[in-house]
Amino acid sequence: MNRALLIGAGFSYNWGGPLASDLFSRLLGSPELTDGDLILLRKYPQNFEDTLAVLQMEFMKSGKTSLTPQLERMQNALKRIFDELNADFSTATFEFQKPIFREYSLSQFLAYFNTIFSLNQDLLLEYHYLNGNVELSGQGWSGWVLPGMKRAREVASPLVSEAARYMWAAEDVPYKLDGKVQPLIKLHGSSNWIDAKNNSLMIMGGYKDRAIAAHSVLKQHLETFRSEISKPNTHLMIIGYGFNDNHINNALFDAAKTGNLKLFIVDPAGIAVLNRQNQGAAIPAKSQTAQILEPCVFGLSNRALSFTFGSNGKPELRQLMSFIGKQIT
């Protein structure tokens, strides 16, 4: 069995991380933004990335090499929000049990996956999972790896885990997955990643496909995602992804057509998360996402991770474990 995990904003939400709607509200109070910036922001209250898309399009049309002042202010505001979020995550309690029983721990669960793919740019896993846990998992891992990335400069205390202590720079050369170390592949970059020009490597807004194509490491990450989820007997667990990114959905569609893909979705909306694009339609109909992916769904959980991996969540956890071929007593 090929076990893969894809996590989105709804994963970090369990520790106070923001969804797209939350980022909108946080941007409203940003000191970096002017009144004119806020007028534009308020046009898209459901998704701040629509605001970014407008600014990104203006920048691309301008033909300039330096960011427009408005786009730069928006990016600076987002950087500060992520810096504050990461500081909060650094002191968060990762496990939901007290005392922690290893068999039912989240860290142990994460170690079962051959590959972890993340759409998140926060450092939650870097602080609390890539800190020696994978080396002690008993799953045959000798450690962890951020494929295609190398340590750039130290930015935090030596007491912090290596993954969160450094800025990471894109190597921009092809990589191969080792099989001995567990890969964390961040498909949209990360708040502590930089490119060859020392620019932040975080992909947000409405033109993710174009931005990913401009960075060889992110382009290969997407190709790796497509390849891994199309392998025979692939069990992909998806936690907290809203199915709003076309490049991710298209990869899932292609994998579904191979007949190799089985999905387990963890989301408060349950199976309805696949049909969000059609919510509010006058004549309800299944979205393309629902039509293609529903036949691949072999498990659902609408419980929060705090319940599933908490003291009373064993019945729910049993479902998740069964999907990846593991049993708990």
C-alpha atoms as a PDB file:
ATOM      1  CA  MET A   1       0.000   0.000   0.000  1.00  0.00           C
ATOM      2  CA  ASN A   2       1.227   3.465  -0.911  1.00  0.00           C
ATOM      3  CA  ARG A   3       0.162   5.779   1.921  1.00  0.00           C
ATOM      4  CA  ALA A   4       0.105   9.495   1.172  1.00  0.00           C
ATOM      5  CA  LEU A   5      -1.188  12.463   3.148  1.00  0.00           C
ATOM      6  CA  LEU A   6      -2.323  15.861   1.860  1.00  0.00           C
ATOM      7  CA  ILE A   7      -2.969  18.603   4.400  1.00  0.00           C
ATOM      8  CA  GLY A   8      -4.493  22.053   3.913  1.00  0.00           C
ATOM      9  CA  ALA A   9      -5.393  25.025   6.063  1.00  0.00           C
ATOM     10  CA  GLY A  10      -7.995  22.978   7.922  1.00  0.00           C
ATOM     11  CA  PHE A  11      -5.182  20.894   9.412  1.00  0.00           C
ATOM     12  CA  SER A  12      -3.390  23.823  11.077  1.00  0.00           C
ATOM     13  CA  TYR A  13      -6.793  25.215  12.080  1.00  0.00           C
ATOM     14  CA  ASN A  14      -6.823  22.632  14.881  1.00  0.00           C
ATOM     15  CA  TRP A  15      -4.054  24.654  16.585  1.00  0.00           C
ATOM     16  CA  GLY A  16      -5.489  28.074  15.811  1.00  0.00           C
ATOM     17  CA  GLY A  17      -4.169  28.441  12.269  1.00  0.00           C
ATOM     18  CA  PRO A  18      -6.198  30.662   9.932  1.00  0.00           C
ATOM     19  CA  LEU A  19      -8.494  29.669   7.104  1.00  0.00           C
ATOM     20  CA  ALA A  20      -8.791  31.977   4.081  1.00  0.00           C
ATOM     21  CA  SER A  21     -11.693  33.823   5.720  1.00  0.00           C
ATOM     22  CA  ASP A  22      -9.623  34.289   8.876  1.00  0.00           C
ATOM     23  CA  LEU A  23      -6.740  35.785   6.916  1.00  0.00           C
ATOM     24  CA  PHE A  24      -9.170  38.304   5.442  1.00  0.00           C
ATOM     25  CA  SER A  25     -10.146  39.492   8.925  1.00  0.00           C
ATOM     26  CA  ARG A  26      -6.517  39.655  10.066  1.00  0.00           C
ATOM     27  CA  LEU A  27      -5.538  41.674   7.011  1.00  0.00           C
ATOM     28  CA  LEU A  28      -8.299  44.179   7.778  1.00  0.00           C
ATOM     29  CA  GLY A  29      -6.414  45.183  10.908  1.00  0.00           C
ATOM     30  CA  SER A  30      -2.964  45.252   9.309  1.00  0.00           C
ATOM     31  CA  PRO A  31      -0.981  48.452   9.928  1.00  0.00           C
ATOM     32  CA  GLU A  32       0.877  47.897   6.640  1.00  0.00           C
ATOM     33  CA  LEU A  33      -2.254  48.491   4.533  1.00  0.00           C
ATOM     34  CA  THR A  34      -3.646  51.849   3.450  1.00  0.00           C
ATOM     35  CA  ASP A  35      -7.308  52.847   3.170  1.00  0.00           C
ATOM     36  CA  GLY A  36      -7.104  52.180  -0.567  1.00  0.00           C
ATOM     37  CA  ASP A  37      -5.753  48.690   0.066  1.00  0.00           C
ATOM     38  CA  LEU A  38      -8.633  47.958   2.430  1.00  0.00           C
ATOM     39  CA  ILE A  39     -11.222  49.098  -0.122  1.00  0.00           C
ATOM     40  CA  LEU A  40      -9.888  46.481  -2.538  1.00  0.00           C
ATOM     41  CA  LEU A  41      -9.644  43.852   0.180  1.00  0.00           C
ATOM     42  CA  ARG A  42     -13.290  44.324   1.182  1.00  0.00           C
ATOM     43  CA  LYS A  43     -14.413  43.483  -2.355  1.00  0.00           C
ATOM     44  CA  TYR A  44     -13.447  39.847  -1.712  1.00  0.00           C
ATOM     45  CA  PRO A  45     -14.445  39.040   1.880  1.00  0.00           C
ATOM     46  CA  GLN A  46     -14.669  35.288   1.288  1.00  0.00           C
ATOM     47  CA  ASN A  47     -11.134  34.790   0.015  1.00  0.00           C
ATOM     48  CA  PHE A  48      -8.225  37.216   0.415  1.00  0.00           C
ATOM     49  CA  GLU A  49      -6.460  35.379  -2.432  1.00  0.00           C
ATOM     50  CA  ASP A  50      -8.857  37.040  -4.883  1.00  0.00           C
ATOM     51  CA  THR A  51      -7.463  40.398  -3.766  1.00  0.00           C
ATOM     52  CA  LEU A  52      -3.953  39.102  -4.297  1.00  0.00           C
ATOM     53  CA  ALA A  53      -4.942  37.870  -7.754  1.00  0.00           C
ATOM     54  CA  VAL A  54      -6.025  41.369  -8.775  1.00  0.00           C
ATOM     55  CA  LEU A  55      -2.743  42.869  -7.564  1.00  0.00           C
ATOM     56  CA  GLN A  56      -0.692  40.117  -9.159  1.00  0.00           C
ATOM     57  CA  MET A  57      -2.415  40.645 -12.504  1.00  0.00           C
ATOM     58  CA  GLU A  58      -1.695  44.390 -12.321  1.00  0.00           C
ATOM     59  CA  PHE A  59       1.947  43.607 -11.603  1.00  0.00           C
ATOM     60  CA  MET A  60       2.226  41.148 -14.508  1.00  0.00           C
ATOM     61  CA  LYS A  61       0.579  43.601 -16.908  1.00  0.00           C
ATOM     62  CA  SER A  62       2.925  46.385 -15.817  1.00  0.00           C
ATOM     63  CA  GLY A  63       5.978  44.520 -17.082  1.00  0.00           C
ATOM     64  CA  LYS A  64       7.979  45.834 -14.130  1.00  0.00           C
ATOM     65  CA  THR A  65      10.587  43.748 -12.324  1.00  0.00           C
ATOM     66  CA  SER A  66       9.905  45.249  -8.883  1.00  0.00           C
ATOM     67  CA  LEU A  67       6.620  44.803  -7.050  1.00  0.00           C
ATOM     68  CA  THR A  68       3.974  47.498  -7.179  1.00  0.00           C
ATOM     69  CA  PRO A  69       3.713  49.337  -3.825  1.00  0.00           C
ATOM     70  CA  GLN A  70       0.235  47.934  -3.162  1.00  0.00           C
ATOM     71  CA  LEU A  71       1.283  44.314  -3.797  1.00  0.00           C
ATOM     72  CA  GLU A  72       4.413  44.818  -1.691  1.00  0.00           C
ATOM     73  CA  ARG A  73       2.326  46.157   1.219  1.00  0.00           C
ATOM     74  CA  MET A  74      -0.015  43.171   0.988  1.00  0.00           C
ATOM     75  CA  GLN A  75       2.874  40.720   0.972  1.00  0.00           C
ATOM     76  CA  ASN A  76       4.522  42.465   3.928  1.00  0.00           C
ATOM     77  CA  ALA A  77       1.260  42.222   5.879  1.00  0.00           C
ATOM     78  CA  LEU A  78       1.003  38.499   5.105  1.00  0.00           C
ATOM     79  CA  LYS A  79       4.631  37.943   6.123  1.00  0.00           C
ATOM     80  CA  ARG A  80       3.999  39.575   9.495  1.00  0.00           C
ATOM     81  CA  ILE A  81       0.861  37.456  10.014  1.00  0.00           C
ATOM     82  CA  PHE A  82       2.825  34.273   9.283  1.00  0.00           C
ATOM     83  CA  ASP A  83       5.676  35.369  11.573  1.00  0.00           C
ATOM     84  CA  GLU A  84       3.180  35.857  14.398  1.00  0.00           C
ATOM     85  CA  LEU A  85       1.461  32.565  13.592  1.00  0.00           C
ATOM     86  CA  ASN A  86       4.747  30.656  13.626  1.00  0.00           C
ATOM     87  CA  ALA A  87       5.689  32.229  16.949  1.00  0.00           C
ATOM     88  CA  ASP A  88       2.389  30.996  18.385  1.00  0.00           C
ATOM     89  CA  PHE A  89       2.901  27.533  16.892  1.00  0.00           C
ATOM     90  CA  SER A  90       6.385  27.313  18.392  1.00  0.00           C
ATOM     91  CA  THR A  91       4.872  27.132  21.893  1.00  0.00           C
ATOM     92  CA  ALA A  92       1.700  25.208  21.003  1.00  0.00           C
ATOM     93  CA  THR A  93       0.888  21.783  22.419  1.00  0.00           C
ATOM     94  CA  PHE A  94       0.919  19.452  19.422  1.00  0.00           C
ATOM     95  CA  GLU A  95      -0.560  16.312  20.930  1.00  0.00           C
ATOM     96  CA  PHE A  96      -4.140  16.257  22.189  1.00  0.00           C
ATOM     97  CA  GLN A  97      -3.696  13.590  24.896  1.00  0.00           C
ATOM     98  CA  LYS A  98      -2.505  13.899  28.447  1.00  0.00           C
ATOM     99  CA  PRO A  99      -0.666  11.676  29.129  1.00  0.00           C
ATOM    100  CA  ILE A 100       0.394  10.806  25.585  1.00  0.00           C
ATOM    101  CA  PHE A 101      -0.143   7.200  24.537  1.00  0.00           C
ATOM    102  CA  ARG A 102       2.170   6.661  21.606  1.00  0.00           C
ATOM    103  CA  GLU A 103      -0.127   4.221  19.799  1.00  0.00           C
ATOM    104  CA  TYR A 104      -2.823   6.920  19.588  1.00  0.00           C
ATOM    105  CA  SER A 105      -0.567   9.939  19.087  1.00  0.00           C
ATOM    106  CA  LEU A 106      -0.724  12.226  16.072  1.00  0.00           C
ATOM    107  CA  SER A 107       3.044  12.048  15.615  1.00  0.00           C
ATOM    108  CA  GLN A 108       2.902   8.271  15.407  1.00  0.00           C
ATOM    109  CA  PHE A 109       0.047   8.519  12.905  1.00  0.00           C
ATOM    110  CA  LEU A 110       1.973  10.930  10.659  1.00  0.00           C
ATOM    111  CA  ALA A 111       4.944   8.577  10.623  1.00  0.00           C
ATOM    112  CA  TYR A 112       2.898   5.892   8.838  1.00  0.00           C
ATOM    113  CA  PHE A 113       2.747   7.868   5.576  1.00  0.00           C
ATOM    114  CA  ASN A 114       5.234   7.302   2.778  1.00  0.00           C
ATOM    115  CA  THR A 115       4.922  10.953   1.785  1.00  0.00           C
ATOM    116  CA  ILE A 116       3.384  14.027   3.428  1.00  0.00           C
ATOM    117  CA  PHE A 117       2.225  16.772   1.072  1.00  0.00           C
ATOM    118  CA  SER A 118       1.284  20.147   2.526  1.00  0.00           C
ATOM    119  CA  LEU A 119      -0.443  23.192   1.061  1.00  0.00           C
ATOM    120  CA  ASN A 120       0.354  25.148   4.218  1.00  0.00           C
ATOM    121  CA  GLN A 121       3.163  27.655   4.594  1.00  0.00           C
ATOM    122  CA  ASP A 122       3.239  27.744   8.378  1.00  0.00           C
ATOM    123  CA  LEU A 123       5.859  25.904  10.455  1.00  0.00           C
ATOM    124  CA  LEU A 124       3.610  23.779  12.650  1.00  0.00           C
ATOM    125  CA  LEU A 125       5.081  20.460  11.496  1.00  0.00           C
ATOM    126  CA  GLU A 126       8.601  21.872  11.435  1.00  0.00           C
ATOM    127  CA  TYR A 127       8.335  22.811  15.096  1.00  0.00           C
ATOM    128  CA  HIS A 128       6.514  19.767  16.410  1.00  0.00           C
ATOM    129  CA  TYR A 129       6.965  16.838  14.030  1.00  0.00           C
ATOM    130  CA  LEU A 130      10.248  17.251  12.180  1.00  0.00           C
ATOM    131  CA  ASN A 131      12.033  17.417  15.501  1.00  0.00           C
ATOM    132  CA  GLY A 132      13.181  13.839  15.942  1.00  0.00           C
ATOM    133  CA  ASN A 133       9.779  12.170  15.992  1.00  0.00           C
ATOM    134  CA  VAL A 134      10.217  10.540  12.594  1.00  0.00           C
ATOM    135  CA  GLU A 135      13.540   9.111  13.698  1.00  0.00           C
ATOM    136  CA  LEU A 136      11.867   7.488  16.698  1.00  0.00           C
ATOM    137  CA  SER A 137       8.731   6.335  14.932  1.00  0.00           C
ATOM    138  CA  GLY A 138       9.621   2.695  14.566  1.00  0.00           C
ATOM    139  CA  GLN A 139       8.408   2.868  10.950  1.00  0.00           C
ATOM    140  CA  GLY A 140      11.840   2.432   9.427  1.00  0.00           C
ATOM    141  CA  TRP A 141      12.538   6.131   8.865  1.00  0.00           C
ATOM    142  CA  SER A 142      16.041   7.323   9.640  1.00  0.00           C
ATOM    143  CA  GLY A 143      14.892  10.940   9.632  1.00  0.00           C
ATOM    144  CA  TRP A 144      13.098  13.514   7.500  1.00  0.00           C
ATOM    145  CA  VAL A 145      13.827  15.556   4.385  1.00  0.00           C
ATOM    146  CA  LEU A 146      12.536  18.679   2.655  1.00  0.00           C
ATOM    147  CA  PRO A 147      13.212  17.568  -0.939  1.00  0.00           C
ATOM    148  CA  GLY A 148      14.946  20.083  -3.150  1.00  0.00           C
ATOM    149  CA  MET A 149      15.760  22.412  -0.258  1.00  0.00           C
ATOM    150  CA  LYS A 150      19.002  23.129   1.589  1.00  0.00           C
ATOM    151  CA  ARG A 151      19.787  25.016   4.775  1.00  0.00           C
ATOM    152  CA  ALA A 152      20.498  28.680   4.102  1.00  0.00           C
ATOM    153  CA  ARG A 153      20.932  30.618   7.324  1.00  0.00           C
ATOM    154  CA  GLU A 154      20.068  30.148  10.967  1.00  0.00           C
ATOM    155  CA  VAL A 155      17.270  32.417  12.162  1.00  0.00           C
ATOM    156  CA  ALA A 156      16.115  30.901  15.445  1.00  0.00           C
ATOM    157  CA  SER A 157      17.471  29.520  18.695  1.00  0.00           C
ATOM    158  CA  PRO A 158      19.632  26.366  18.491  1.00  0.00           C
ATOM    159  CA  LEU A 159      17.084  24.791  20.835  1.00  0.00           C
ATOM    160  CA  VAL A 160      14.472  24.885  18.062  1.00  0.00           C
ATOM    161  CA  SER A 161      14.213  21.916  15.705  1.00  0.00           C
ATOM    162  CA  GLU A 162      16.455  22.138  12.651  1.00  0.00           C
ATOM    163  CA  ALA A 163      13.540  22.375  10.216  1.00  0.00           C
ATOM    164  CA  ALA A 164      12.236  25.538  11.909  1.00  0.00           C
ATOM    165  CA  ARG A 165      15.610  26.948  12.958  1.00  0.00           C
ATOM    166  CA  TYR A 166      16.849  27.678   9.433  1.00  0.00           C
ATOM    167  CA  MET A 167      15.744  29.508   6.344  1.00  0.00           C
ATOM    168  CA  TRP A 168      15.725  26.959   3.515  1.00  0.00           C
ATOM    169  CA  ALA A 169      16.883  27.760  -0.007  1.00  0.00           C
ATOM    170  CA  ALA A 170      15.726  26.075  -3.203  1.00  0.00           C
ATOM    171  CA  GLU A 171      18.467  23.983  -4.815  1.00  0.00           C
ATOM    172  CA  ASP A 172      16.701  24.094  -8.198  1.00  0.00           C
ATOM    173  CA  VAL A 173      18.180  20.739  -9.218  1.00  0.00           C
ATOM    174  CA  PRO A 174      16.266  17.477  -9.688  1.00  0.00           C
ATOM    175  CA  TYR A 175      15.823  15.357  -6.566  1.00  0.00           C
ATOM    176  CA  LYS A 176      14.874  11.762  -5.919  1.00  0.00           C
ATOM    177  CA  LEU A 177      12.930  10.495  -2.929  1.00  0.00           C
ATOM    178  CA  ASP A 178      15.199   8.340  -0.791  1.00  0.00           C
ATOM    179  CA  GLY A 179      12.761   5.910   0.814  1.00  0.00           C
ATOM    180  CA  LYS A 180      14.807   5.896   4.024  1.00  0.00           C
ATOM    181  CA  VAL A 181      13.817   9.383   5.150  1.00  0.00           C
ATOM    182  CA  GLN A 182      10.256  10.693   5.282  1.00  0.00           C
ATOM    183  CA  PRO A 183       9.642  13.582   2.860  1.00  0.00           C
ATOM    184  CA  LEU A 184       7.581  16.648   3.691  1.00  0.00           C
ATOM    185  CA  ILE A 185       6.735  18.278   0.357  1.00  0.00           C
ATOM    186  CA  LYS A 186       5.257  21.772   0.666  1.00  0.00           C
ATOM    187  CA  LEU A 187       3.507  22.298  -2.646  1.00  0.00           C
ATOM    188  CA  HIS A 188       3.049  26.064  -2.223  1.00  0.00           C
ATOM    189  CA  GLY A 189       6.388  26.814  -0.583  1.00  0.00           C
ATOM    190  CA  SER A 190       6.869  27.882   3.001  1.00  0.00           C
ATOM    191  CA  SER A 191       7.250  30.958   5.172  1.00  0.00           C
ATOM    192  CA  ASN A 192      10.899  30.021   5.813  1.00  0.00           C
ATOM    193  CA  TRP A 193      11.810  29.219   2.190  1.00  0.00           C
ATOM    194  CA  ILE A 194      13.681  31.464  -0.231  1.00  0.00           C
ATOM    195  CA  ASP A 195      14.534  31.166  -3.909  1.00  0.00           C
ATOM    196  CA  ALA A 196      17.871  31.650  -5.650  1.00  0.00           C
ATOM    197  CA  LYS A 197      17.356  35.440  -5.613  1.00  0.00           C
ATOM    198  CA  ASN A 198      16.741  35.436  -1.857  1.00  0.00           C
ATOM    199  CA  ASN A 199      13.037  36.181  -2.356  1.00  0.00           C
ATOM    200  CA  SER A 200      10.347  34.568  -0.257  1.00  0.00           C
ATOM    201  CA  LEU A 201       9.135  31.289  -1.758  1.00  0.00           C
ATOM    202  CA  MET A 202       5.440  31.325  -0.841  1.00  0.00           C
ATOM    203  CA  ILE A 203       2.748  30.825  -3.464  1.00  0.00           C
ATOM    204  CA  MET A 204      -0.549  32.624  -2.846  1.00  0.00           C
ATOM    205  CA  GLY A 205      -3.178  34.328  -4.947  1.00  0.00           C
ATOM    206  CA  GLY A 206      -5.012  33.438  -8.127  1.00  0.00           C
ATOM    207  CA  TYR A 207      -2.101  32.494 -10.378  1.00  0.00           C
ATOM    208  CA  LYS A 208      -0.539  29.596  -8.510  1.00  0.00           C
ATOM    209  CA  ASP A 209      -0.019  27.518 -11.672  1.00  0.00           C
ATOM    210  CA  ARG A 210       2.080  30.264 -13.260  1.00  0.00           C
ATOM    211  CA  ALA A 211       4.031  30.937 -10.061  1.00  0.00           C
ATOM    212  CA  ILE A 212       4.776  27.245  -9.522  1.00  0.00           C
ATOM    213  CA  ALA A 213       5.993  26.885 -13.112  1.00  0.00           C
ATOM    214  CA  ALA A 214       8.484  29.707 -12.487  1.00  0.00           C
ATOM    215  CA  HIS A 215      10.255  27.784  -9.700  1.00  0.00           C
ATOM    216  CA  SER A 216      11.818  24.461 -10.643  1.00  0.00           C
ATOM    217  CA  VAL A 217      11.619  23.051  -7.116  1.00  0.00           C
ATOM    218  CA  LEU A 218       7.886  23.764  -6.813  1.00  0.00           C
ATOM    219  CA  LYS A 219       7.307  22.483 -10.317  1.00  0.00           C
ATOM    220  CA  GLN A 220       8.982  19.221  -9.348  1.00  0.00           C
ATOM    221  CA  HIS A 221       6.983  19.102  -6.099  1.00  0.00           C
ATOM    222  CA  LEU A 222       3.763  19.193  -8.115  1.00  0.00           C
ATOM    223  CA  GLU A 223       5.102  16.521 -10.482  1.00  0.00           C
ATOM    224  CA  THR A 224       6.018  14.382  -7.465  1.00  0.00           C
ATOM    225  CA  PHE A 225       2.505  14.799  -6.084  1.00  0.00           C
ATOM    226  CA  ARG A 226       0.996  13.717  -9.386  1.00  0.00           C
ATOM    227  CA  SER A 227       3.330  10.732  -9.599  1.00  0.00           C
ATOM    228  CA  GLU A 228       2.929   9.549  -6.005  1.00  0.00           C
ATOM    229  CA  ILE A 229      -0.876   9.633  -5.942  1.00  0.00           C
ATOM    230  CA  SER A 230      -1.051   7.726  -9.246  1.00  0.00           C
ATOM    231  CA  LYS A 231       0.908   4.732  -7.959  1.00  0.00           C
ATOM    232  CA  PRO A 232      -0.896   1.390  -7.666  1.00  0.00           C
ATOM    233  CA  ASN A 233      -2.930   0.860  -4.504  1.00  0.00           C
ATOM    234  CA  THR A 234      -2.573   4.447  -3.306  1.00  0.00           C
ATOM    235  CA  HIS A 235      -4.462   5.415  -0.167  1.00  0.00           C
ATOM    236  CA  LEU A 236      -4.503   9.215   0.069  1.00  0.00           C
ATOM    237  CA  MET A 237      -5.801  10.872   3.212  1.00  0.00           C
ATOM    238  CA  ILE A 238      -6.828  14.502   2.779  1.00  0.00           C
ATOM    239  CA  ILE A 239      -7.124  16.642   5.908  1.00  0.00           C
ATOM    240  CA  GLY A 240      -8.445  20.184   5.770  1.00  0.00           C
ATOM    241  CA  TYR A 241      -8.246  20.891   2.035  1.00  0.00           C
ATOM    242  CA  GLY A 242     -11.171  22.805   0.504  1.00  0.00           C
ATOM    243  CA  PHE A 243     -10.653  21.618  -3.105  1.00  0.00           C
ATOM    244  CA  ASN A 244     -10.248  25.182  -4.386  1.00  0.00           C
ATOM    245  CA  ASP A 245      -6.917  24.845  -6.217  1.00  0.00           C
ATOM    246  CA  ASN A 246      -7.268  23.746  -9.830  1.00  0.00           C
ATOM    247  CA  HIS A 247      -3.733  22.373 -10.144  1.00  0.00           C
ATOM    248  CA  ILE A 248      -4.271  20.132  -7.108  1.00  0.00           C
ATOM    249  CA  ASN A 249      -7.741  19.078  -8.235  1.00  0.00           C
ATOM    250  CA  ASN A 250      -6.490  18.252 -11.734  1.00  0.00           C
ATOM    251  CA  ALA A 251      -3.786  16.024 -10.268  1.00  0.00           C
ATOM    252  CA  LEU A 252      -6.456  14.257  -8.191  1.00  0.00           C
ATOM    253  CA  PHE A 253      -8.704  13.882 -11.246  1.00  0.00           C
ATOM    254  CA  ASP A 254      -5.907  12.268 -13.257  1.00  0.00           C
ATOM    255  CA  ALA A 255      -5.056   9.916 -10.418  1.00  0.00           C
ATOM    256  CA  ALA A 256      -8.731   8.981 -10.030  1.00  0.00           C
ATOM    257  CA  LYS A 257      -8.882   8.009 -13.707  1.00  0.00           C
ATOM    258  CA  THR A 258      -6.084   5.471 -13.215  1.00  0.00           C
ATOM    259  CA  GLY A 259      -8.289   3.472 -10.860  1.00  0.00           C
ATOM    260  CA  ASN A 260      -5.446   3.311  -8.333  1.00  0.00           C
ATOM    261  CA  LEU A 261      -6.653   6.026  -5.962  1.00  0.00           C
ATOM    262  CA  LYS A 262      -8.637   5.630  -2.746  1.00  0.00           C
ATOM    263  CA  LEU A 263      -9.457   8.705  -0.665  1.00  0.00           C
ATOM    264  CA  PHE A 264     -10.237   9.355   2.978  1.00  0.00           C
ATOM    265  CA  ILE A 265     -11.420  12.901   3.640  1.00  0.00           C
ATOM    266  CA  VAL A 266     -11.199  14.587   7.036  1.00  0.00           C
ATOM    267  CA  ASP A 267     -13.289  17.760   6.967  1.00  0.00           C
ATOM    268  CA  PRO A 268     -16.160  19.215   9.045  1.00  0.00           C
ATOM    269  CA  ALA A 269     -18.261  19.317   5.868  1.00  0.00           C
ATOM    270  CA  GLY A 270     -17.786  15.621   5.167  1.00  0.00           C
ATOM    271  CA  ILE A 271     -18.468  14.557   1.577  1.00  0.00           C
ATOM    272  CA  ALA A 272     -20.070  17.955   0.888  1.00  0.00           C
ATOM    273  CA  VAL A 273     -16.603  19.527   0.746  1.00  0.00           C
ATOM    274  CA  LEU A 274     -16.345  18.097  -2.790  1.00  0.00           C
ATOM    275  CA  ASN A 275     -19.381  20.107  -3.872  1.00  0.00           C
ATOM    276  CA  ARG A 276     -18.564  23.512  -2.400  1.00  0.00           C
ATOM    277  CA  GLN A 277     -18.253  25.128  -5.814  1.00  0.00           C
ATOM    278  CA  ASN A 278     -21.981  24.586  -6.394  1.00  0.00           C
ATOM    279  CA  GLN A 279     -23.258  25.692  -2.993  1.00  0.00           C
ATOM    280  CA  GLY A 280     -25.993  28.279  -3.317  1.00  0.00           C
ATOM    281  CA  ALA A 281     -26.826  27.335  -6.898  1.00  0.00           C
ATOM    282  CA  ALA A 282     -30.460  27.770  -7.884  1.00  0.00           C
ATOM    283  CA  ILE A 283     -30.505  24.238  -9.285  1.00  0.00           C
ATOM    284  CA  PRO A 284     -28.267  22.032  -7.132  1.00  0.00           C
ATOM    285  CA  ALA A 285     -25.985  19.808  -9.163  1.00  0.00           C
ATOM    286  CA  LYS A 286     -22.806  17.908  -8.489  1.00  0.00           C
ATOM    287  CA  SER A 287     -19.630  19.810  -9.190  1.00  0.00           C
ATOM    288  CA  GLN A 288     -16.977  18.325 -11.448  1.00  0.00           C
ATOM    289  CA  THR A 289     -14.919  17.639  -8.337  1.00  0.00           C
ATOM    290  CA  ALA A 290     -17.728  15.636  -6.750  1.00  0.00           C
ATOM    291  CA  GLN A 291     -18.511  13.732  -9.947  1.00  0.00           C
ATOM    292  CA  ILE A 292     -14.931  12.566 -10.408  1.00  0.00           C
ATOM    293  CA  LEU A 293     -13.770  12.065  -6.824  1.00  0.00           C
ATOM    294  CA  GLU A 294     -16.827  10.749  -4.966  1.00  0.00           C
ATOM    295  CA  PRO A 295     -16.347   7.207  -6.382  1.00  0.00           C
ATOM    296  CA  CYS A 296     -12.804   7.264  -4.948  1.00  0.00           C
ATOM    297  CA  VAL A 297     -13.918   8.110  -1.396  1.00  0.00           C
ATOM    298  CA  PHE A 298     -13.636   5.126   0.935  1.00  0.00           C
ATOM    299  CA  GLY A 299     -13.694   6.958   4.246  1.00  0.00           C
ATOM    300  CA  LEU A 300     -14.917  10.150   5.876  1.00  0.00           C
ATOM    301  CA  SER A 301     -14.499  11.911   9.196  1.00  0.00           C
ATOM    302  CA  ASN A 302     -16.074  15.233  10.130  1.00  0.00           C
ATOM    303  CA  ARG A 303     -14.513  15.258  13.590  1.00  0.00           C
ATOM    304  CA  ALA A 304     -11.803  17.698  14.664  1.00  0.00           C
ATOM    305  CA  LEU A 305      -8.339  16.204  15.110  1.00  0.00           C
ATOM    306  CA  SER A 306      -8.483  17.297  18.741  1.00  0.00           C
ATOM    307  CA  PHE A 307     -11.302  14.784  19.219  1.00  0.00           C
ATOM    308  CA  THR A 308      -9.924  11.980  17.045  1.00  0.00           C
ATOM    309  CA  PHE A 309      -6.505  12.063  18.697  1.00  0.00           C
ATOM    310  CA  GLY A 310      -7.853  12.994  22.117  1.00  0.00           C
ATOM    311  CA  SER A 311      -8.738  10.820  25.070  1.00  0.00           C
ATOM    312  CA  ASN A 312     -12.164   9.765  23.757  1.00  0.00           C
ATOM    313  CA  GLY A 313     -11.498   9.570  20.034  1.00  0.00           C
ATOM    314  CA  LYS A 314     -10.482   5.931  19.670  1.00  0.00           C
ATOM    315  CA  PRO A 315     -13.574   4.886  17.613  1.00  0.00           C
ATOM    316  CA  GLU A 316     -12.920   7.710  15.140  1.00  0.00           C
ATOM    317  CA  LEU A 317      -9.185   7.076  15.058  1.00  0.00           C
ATOM    318  CA  ARG A 318      -9.846   3.422  14.324  1.00  0.00           C
ATOM    319  CA  GLN A 319     -11.424   4.459  10.989  1.00  0.00           C
ATOM    320  CA  LEU A 320      -8.421   6.533   9.980  1.00  0.00           C
ATOM    321  CA  MET A 321      -5.993   3.807  10.950  1.00  0.00           C
ATOM    322  CA  SER A 322      -7.952   1.100   9.123  1.00  0.00           C
ATOM    323  CA  PHE A 323      -7.812   3.119   5.907  1.00  0.00           C
ATOM    324  CA  ILE A 324      -3.987   3.067   5.958  1.00  0.00           C
ATOM    325  CA  GLY A 325      -3.870  -0.605   6.935  1.00  0.00           C
ATOM    326  CA  LYS A 326      -3.091  -0.163  10.604  1.00  0.00           C
ATOM    327  CA  GLN A 327      -4.939  -1.423  13.668  1.00  0.00           C
ATOM    328  CA  ILE A 328      -5.181  -0.088  17.201  1.00  0.00           C
ATOM    329  CA  THR A 329      -6.169  -2.027  20.283  1.00  0.00           C
END
